[in-house]
Protein backbone atom coordinates (compact mmCIF):
# COMPACT_ATOMS: atom_id res chain seq x y z
CA MET A 1 4.91 -7.22 -3.75
CA ARG A 2 7.90 -7.24 -6.34
CA LEU A 3 10.46 -4.05 -6.14
CA HIS A 4 12.64 -3.49 -8.55
CA LEU A 5 15.18 -0.61 -7.79
CA PHE A 6 17.02 0.56 -11.08
CA THR A 7 20.40 2.57 -10.05
CA PHE A 8 22.13 4.30 -11.11
CA ALA A 9 23.13 7.43 -13.21
CA LEU A 10 27.02 8.41 -12.86
CA VAL A 11 27.46 11.99 -12.91
CA GLY A 12 30.69 14.10 -12.27
CA PHE A 13 33.81 11.83 -13.24
CA PHE A 14 36.97 13.44 -13.63
CA VAL A 15 40.14 12.74 -14.79
CA CYS A 16 43.07 15.04 -15.56
CA ALA A 17 46.42 13.55 -15.20
CA GLY A 18 50.18 14.05 -15.56
CA PHE A 19 53.50 12.89 -15.69
CA THR A 20 57.04 13.57 -14.33
CA GLN A 21 60.26 12.05 -14.09
CA ALA A 22 63.88 12.91 -12.51
CA GLU A 23 62.40 14.32 -9.35
CA MET A 24 65.07 15.28 -6.47
CA THR A 25 63.72 14.94 -3.16
CA SER A 26 65.09 14.71 0.32
CA THR A 27 63.79 13.12 3.54
CA ASN A 28 61.39 16.33 4.23
CA TYR A 29 61.43 18.03 0.12
CA GLU A 30 60.34 16.86 -3.43
CA ILE A 31 61.13 19.48 -6.35
CA ARG A 32 59.48 17.70 -9.16
CA TRP A 33 60.16 20.36 -11.79
CA ASP A 34 62.86 22.88 -12.48
CA THR A 35 62.49 26.01 -14.69
CA PHE A 36 64.73 28.22 -16.44
CA SER A 37 62.69 31.42 -17.48
CA THR A 38 62.31 34.84 -17.40
CA GLY A 39 59.01 36.83 -17.28
CA GLY A 40 55.63 35.76 -16.83
CA SER A 41 53.23 34.86 -14.14
CA ASP A 42 52.09 31.22 -12.99
CA THR A 43 49.30 32.90 -11.03
CA SER A 44 47.56 35.48 -13.33
CA SER A 45 43.87 35.47 -12.72
CA SER A 46 40.80 37.47 -12.74
CA SER A 47 37.16 36.73 -11.23
CA ASN A 48 36.45 34.13 -14.38
CA TYR A 49 39.41 33.01 -16.02
CA LEU A 50 43.28 31.42 -14.78
CA LEU A 51 45.73 32.29 -16.80
CA ARG A 52 49.50 30.36 -16.95
CA ASP A 53 51.96 31.94 -18.99
CA SER A 54 55.79 32.71 -19.17
CA VAL A 55 58.40 34.52 -21.83
CA GLU A 56 61.19 33.54 -23.52
CA ASN A 57 60.82 29.76 -22.45
CA GLY A 58 62.69 26.67 -23.63
CA PRO A 59 61.34 24.38 -27.08
CA ALA A 60 58.63 22.31 -25.76
CA GLY A 61 58.31 19.19 -26.51
CA ARG A 62 59.54 14.87 -25.26
CA SER A 63 62.12 12.99 -26.07
CA SER A 64 62.36 9.41 -25.16
CA SER A 65 63.65 5.57 -25.18
CA SER A 66 63.41 2.47 -24.30
CA SER A 67 63.83 3.53 -20.12
CA TYR A 68 63.52 7.47 -20.76
CA ILE A 69 60.80 10.10 -21.48
CA LEU A 70 62.33 13.64 -20.94
CA GLY A 71 60.24 16.40 -21.18
CA GLN A 72 60.57 20.09 -21.79
CA GLY A 73 58.52 23.38 -22.04
CA TYR A 74 56.82 25.40 -19.66
CA ARG A 75 54.74 23.02 -17.32
CA GLU A 76 55.56 20.09 -19.33
CA GLY A 77 56.44 18.31 -15.52
CA VAL A 78 53.11 19.55 -13.92
CA TYR A 79 51.06 16.94 -12.24
CA ASP A 80 47.83 18.59 -11.87
CA GLN A 81 45.40 17.15 -9.39
CA ILE A 82 43.14 14.00 -10.21
CA ILE A 83 40.01 12.38 -9.05
CA THR A 84 38.63 9.46 -10.46
CA PHE A 85 35.39 8.33 -8.85
CA ASP A 86 34.14 4.39 -8.88
CA VAL A 87 30.62 2.76 -7.86
CA GLN A 88 30.27 -0.75 -7.17
CA VAL A 89 26.41 -2.26 -6.95
CA GLN A 90 25.71 -5.93 -4.96
CA ASP A 91 24.34 -8.55 -7.09
CA LEU A 92 21.99 -9.69 -5.13
CA SER A 93 21.31 -12.91 -6.67
CA ASP A 94 24.62 -14.48 -5.93
CA ALA A 95 24.36 -14.82 -2.65
CA ARG A 96 27.09 -17.14 -1.36
CA SER A 97 27.27 -17.93 2.63
CA ALA A 98 30.10 -16.86 4.58
CA SER A 99 31.80 -19.43 7.10
CA GLY A 100 34.56 -17.58 8.74
CA LEU A 101 36.78 -14.50 8.96
CA SER A 102 40.10 -14.09 9.93
CA GLY A 103 42.06 -10.27 8.99
CA THR A 104 40.87 -9.70 5.61
CA THR A 105 40.49 -13.46 4.96
CA ILE A 106 37.25 -14.74 4.26
CA THR A 107 36.08 -18.38 4.47
CA THR A 108 33.41 -18.89 1.54
CA SER A 109 32.86 -20.03 -1.90
CA VAL A 110 35.30 -18.59 -4.42
CA SER A 111 33.39 -19.91 -7.87
CA GLY A 112 33.15 -17.12 -9.87
CA ILE A 113 35.45 -14.76 -7.98
CA SER A 114 38.65 -13.20 -9.44
CA VAL A 115 41.45 -11.35 -7.76
CA GLY A 116 40.57 -7.74 -8.52
CA ASN A 117 36.80 -7.90 -7.92
CA TYR A 118 34.91 -6.00 -5.46
CA VAL A 119 32.49 -8.05 -2.22
CA ALA A 120 30.59 -7.09 0.25
CA LEU A 121 30.91 -9.08 3.37
CA ILE A 122 27.74 -9.07 5.77
CA GLN A 123 27.22 -10.35 9.08
CA ASP A 124 23.53 -11.10 10.36
CA ARG A 125 21.90 -10.15 6.61
CA GLY A 126 18.99 -7.95 7.44
CA VAL A 127 17.70 -4.84 8.81
CA ASN A 128 20.85 -4.44 11.40
CA GLN A 129 23.09 -6.02 9.44
CA VAL A 130 26.72 -5.12 9.35
CA GLY A 131 28.56 -4.75 6.60
CA ALA A 132 31.95 -4.52 5.00
CA ILE A 133 33.69 -4.47 1.47
CA GLY A 134 36.82 -5.17 -0.20
CA LYS A 135 39.01 -5.14 -3.54
CA VAL A 136 39.98 -8.82 -3.97
CA THR A 137 43.93 -9.91 -4.00
CA SER A 138 44.28 -13.35 -3.81
CA VAL A 139 42.11 -16.53 -4.30
CA GLY A 140 42.39 -20.00 -2.60
CA ALA A 141 40.67 -23.51 -2.82
CA SER A 142 37.63 -21.63 -0.40
CA THR A 143 39.11 -18.72 0.62
CA ILE A 144 39.33 -15.00 -0.49
CA THR A 145 41.47 -12.35 1.06
CA VAL A 146 40.83 -8.54 0.41
CA ASP A 147 43.09 -5.69 0.22
CA SER A 148 41.16 -4.08 3.60
CA LEU A 149 37.60 -4.49 4.67
CA THR A 150 35.93 -1.32 5.01
CA ASN A 151 32.97 -0.62 7.45
CA GLY A 152 30.60 1.93 9.16
CA GLY A 153 32.74 2.25 12.64
CA THR A 154 31.85 -1.73 13.52
CA ALA A 155 33.72 -4.46 11.85
CA PRO A 156 32.03 -8.00 10.59
CA SER A 157 31.97 -11.19 12.75
CA ILE A 158 31.57 -14.22 11.29
CA ASP A 159 30.28 -16.93 12.89
CA GLY A 160 28.41 -18.88 9.28
CA SER A 161 24.94 -18.28 10.53
CA ASN A 162 23.20 -15.55 8.24
CA ASP A 163 26.82 -14.21 6.97
CA TYR A 164 27.08 -13.39 3.23
CA VAL A 165 29.48 -12.90 0.70
CA TYR A 166 28.32 -10.90 -2.57
CA GLN A 167 29.89 -9.83 -5.77
CA LEU A 168 29.80 -6.11 -5.99
CA ASP A 169 29.50 -6.61 -9.82
CA ALA A 170 25.81 -5.33 -10.58
CA SER A 171 24.43 -2.85 -12.98
CA SER A 172 21.55 -2.06 -10.87
CA ILE A 173 19.82 -3.27 -7.95
CA ALA A 174 16.43 -5.62 -8.11
CA PHE A 175 15.05 -6.54 -4.21
CA GLY A 176 13.06 -8.64 -5.39
CA GLU A 177 9.51 -9.45 -3.34
CA LEU A 178 9.13 -7.68 -0.73
CA SER A 179 7.51 -8.78 2.68
CA SER A 180 6.21 -7.42 5.07
CA SER A 181 8.28 -9.69 7.80
CA SER A 182 11.76 -8.29 6.87
CA VAL A 183 13.60 -5.25 5.83
CA SER A 184 15.53 -5.88 2.11
CA THR A 185 18.75 -4.47 1.75
CA ALA A 186 21.59 -3.75 -0.65
CA ILE A 187 25.03 -1.85 -0.75
CA ILE A 188 26.46 0.66 -3.00
CA GLY A 189 30.22 0.68 -3.39
CA ILE A 190 31.69 4.21 -3.97
CA GLU A 191 36.09 4.35 -4.24
CA VAL A 192 37.60 7.12 -5.06
CA ASN A 193 40.67 8.42 -6.05
CA VAL A 194 42.13 11.58 -5.74
CA GLU A 195 45.54 13.84 -4.89
CA ASN A 196 44.15 17.07 -3.65
CA ASP A 197 45.41 18.77 -0.19
CA ASN A 198 41.79 19.24 0.77
CA GLY A 199 39.71 15.70 -0.06
CA TYR A 200 36.80 15.71 -1.76
CA VAL A 201 32.59 14.95 -1.37
CA VAL A 202 30.42 12.72 -2.90
CA GLN A 203 26.64 13.57 -3.00
CA LEU A 204 23.55 11.67 -3.84
CA PHE A 205 20.32 12.33 -5.63
CA GLU A 206 17.28 11.22 -6.98
CA ASP A 207 15.07 11.43 -9.40
CA GLY A 208 11.99 10.66 -6.93
CA ASP A 209 10.18 8.34 -4.81
CA LEU A 210 10.27 4.97 -5.74
CA ARG A 211 6.96 4.22 -7.72
CA SER A 212 5.01 2.43 -10.21
CA GLY A 213 2.17 4.38 -12.02
CA GLY A 214 1.23 6.51 -9.28
CA ASN A 215 2.14 4.23 -6.35
CA ALA A 216 4.99 5.13 -4.42
CA ILE A 217 6.92 3.65 -1.15
CA THR A 218 7.76 7.11 0.65
CA ASP A 219 10.87 7.74 2.08
CA VAL A 220 11.80 7.11 5.66
CA SER A 221 10.59 9.90 8.43
CA ASP A 222 11.41 8.53 11.99
CA GLY A 223 15.71 7.10 11.01
CA ALA A 224 14.67 3.78 10.85
CA VAL A 225 13.77 1.61 8.03
CA SER A 226 11.39 -0.59 9.86
CA SER A 227 9.53 -4.07 8.67
CA GLY A 228 6.01 -3.95 8.37
CA ALA A 229 5.93 -0.50 7.51
CA THR A 230 6.06 1.06 4.04
CA GLU A 231 9.38 3.41 3.79
CA TYR A 232 12.78 3.42 1.71
CA GLY A 233 15.96 5.26 2.84
CA ALA A 234 20.22 4.22 3.13
CA ARG A 235 22.94 4.96 5.57
CA SER A 236 26.46 5.57 4.67
CA SER A 237 29.62 3.44 6.04
CA ASP A 238 31.02 7.19 6.86
CA THR A 239 30.18 7.85 10.32
CA THR A 240 31.76 12.00 10.01
CA LEU A 241 29.48 13.18 7.68
CA ALA A 242 28.58 17.08 8.93
CA SER A 243 26.22 18.09 6.60
CA SER A 244 23.56 14.98 6.54
CA ASP A 245 22.23 12.48 8.80
CA PHE A 246 23.35 9.62 6.46
CA ASP A 247 26.09 8.47 8.69
CA SER A 248 23.48 8.08 12.13
CA ALA A 249 20.51 7.15 10.49
CA ASP A 250 18.38 5.28 7.64
CA ALA A 251 18.13 8.89 5.59
CA ALA A 252 15.24 9.71 2.96
CA ILE A 253 17.31 10.40 -0.60
CA THR A 254 15.62 13.23 -2.30
CA THR A 255 16.06 15.00 -5.25
CA THR A 256 18.25 17.66 -4.04
CA TYR A 257 21.60 16.77 -3.36
CA GLN A 258 23.01 15.72 -0.24
CA ASP A 259 26.75 14.24 1.23
CA ILE A 260 27.05 10.99 1.34
CA ALA A 261 30.59 10.41 2.02
CA THR A 262 33.48 13.00 2.52
CA GLU A 263 37.30 13.70 3.06
CA SER A 264 38.60 16.86 4.28
CA SER A 265 42.05 15.97 3.91
CA ALA A 266 44.59 14.75 1.64
CA SER A 267 43.15 11.26 0.58
CA PHE A 268 44.68 9.33 -2.33
CA SER A 269 42.03 6.75 -2.25
CA SER A 270 39.14 5.70 0.00
CA ARG A 271 36.44 3.57 -0.05
CA ASN A 272 32.38 3.92 1.47
CA PHE A 273 29.40 2.50 0.87
CA LEU A 274 25.49 2.93 0.69
CA THR A 275 23.25 0.38 2.26
CA LEU A 276 19.73 0.29 1.01
CA LYS A 277 17.05 -0.49 2.65
CA ALA A 278 13.12 -0.98 1.70
CA ALA A 279 9.87 -2.21 4.00
CA VAL A 280 6.40 -2.84 2.72
CA ALA A 281 3.48 -3.23 5.09
CA ASP A 282 0.62 -5.78 4.71
CA GLY A 283 -1.83 -4.58 1.67
CA ALA A 284 0.88 -2.63 0.07
CA THR A 285 0.15 -1.71 -3.54
CA ALA A 286 1.50 -4.62 -5.92
CA GLY A 287 3.50 -3.26 -9.09
CA SER A 288 7.33 -3.06 -10.09
CA TYR A 289 8.76 0.39 -7.88
CA SER A 290 11.36 2.19 -9.88
CA GLN A 291 14.22 4.94 -9.41
CA THR A 292 17.12 6.50 -10.50
CA LEU A 293 20.11 7.04 -7.96
CA SER A 294 22.52 9.70 -9.44
CA PHE A 295 25.82 10.16 -7.67
CA ILE A 296 28.54 13.05 -8.31
CA ALA A 297 32.25 13.39 -6.82
CA SER A 298 34.37 16.64 -6.28
CA GLY A 299 37.15 17.55 -4.98
CA ASN A 300 37.54 20.43 -2.78
CA PHE A 301 39.73 23.17 -4.10
């Protein structure tokens, strides 16, 4: 049976940035900007609007040289909170054996891998695989080093038997031909950068079941995608979810938003990943099955 899973539509890419200079700091405090003005309120608001205003402020504008930038005027120095969101998709056609792991250095074929690429490291590929993702910081003759290895609570142990490295640089996932004797897997990496004291949430939803015409691969219902059964689901590397089951089981992806990664405190950069799992029973109807997955990242304000 040939199944092609095409993901993903990105929803909610938020960027709002500012710039500051000449901050005053001590061991315990930071003053990012000084203001001299009279009147006005920085917090005027209603249920529908927020007004930032001031009276008799100095002239606004910027002056610059080769070494400095001077910004003056009301709220020129405000560094508004931002969130950026990136998704990295496993290239299933680019499997390369992993024969060793020391710290964050992986022994593998380095062909086509460059500094800045994202990779997935997988121990014992299959239904019970242990995965981790990282960003390449250096490339040697037969090794790559990543900045960290984000895992789902269990770190990979690499002995060279059924262990693999994949680049996370695809634009869609195609499982290829599914077998009733195994479970096919694929990883989608999620990286969020946010400057927000209350953290963020990443949510996932689908446009419908994996389908080919009137046939569908139904969602997993017992918490585990198993070989020999026609079912499909996913599990998150975030083991702290409170409002969904993706942290503790192979969960059904639905047409309503579900949390797959959260952070409740200040977080400047964090990674997680989703492991998709698909299986078929003997006699399942052949076809090209597809769906669209959508992700949305938002700050907790």
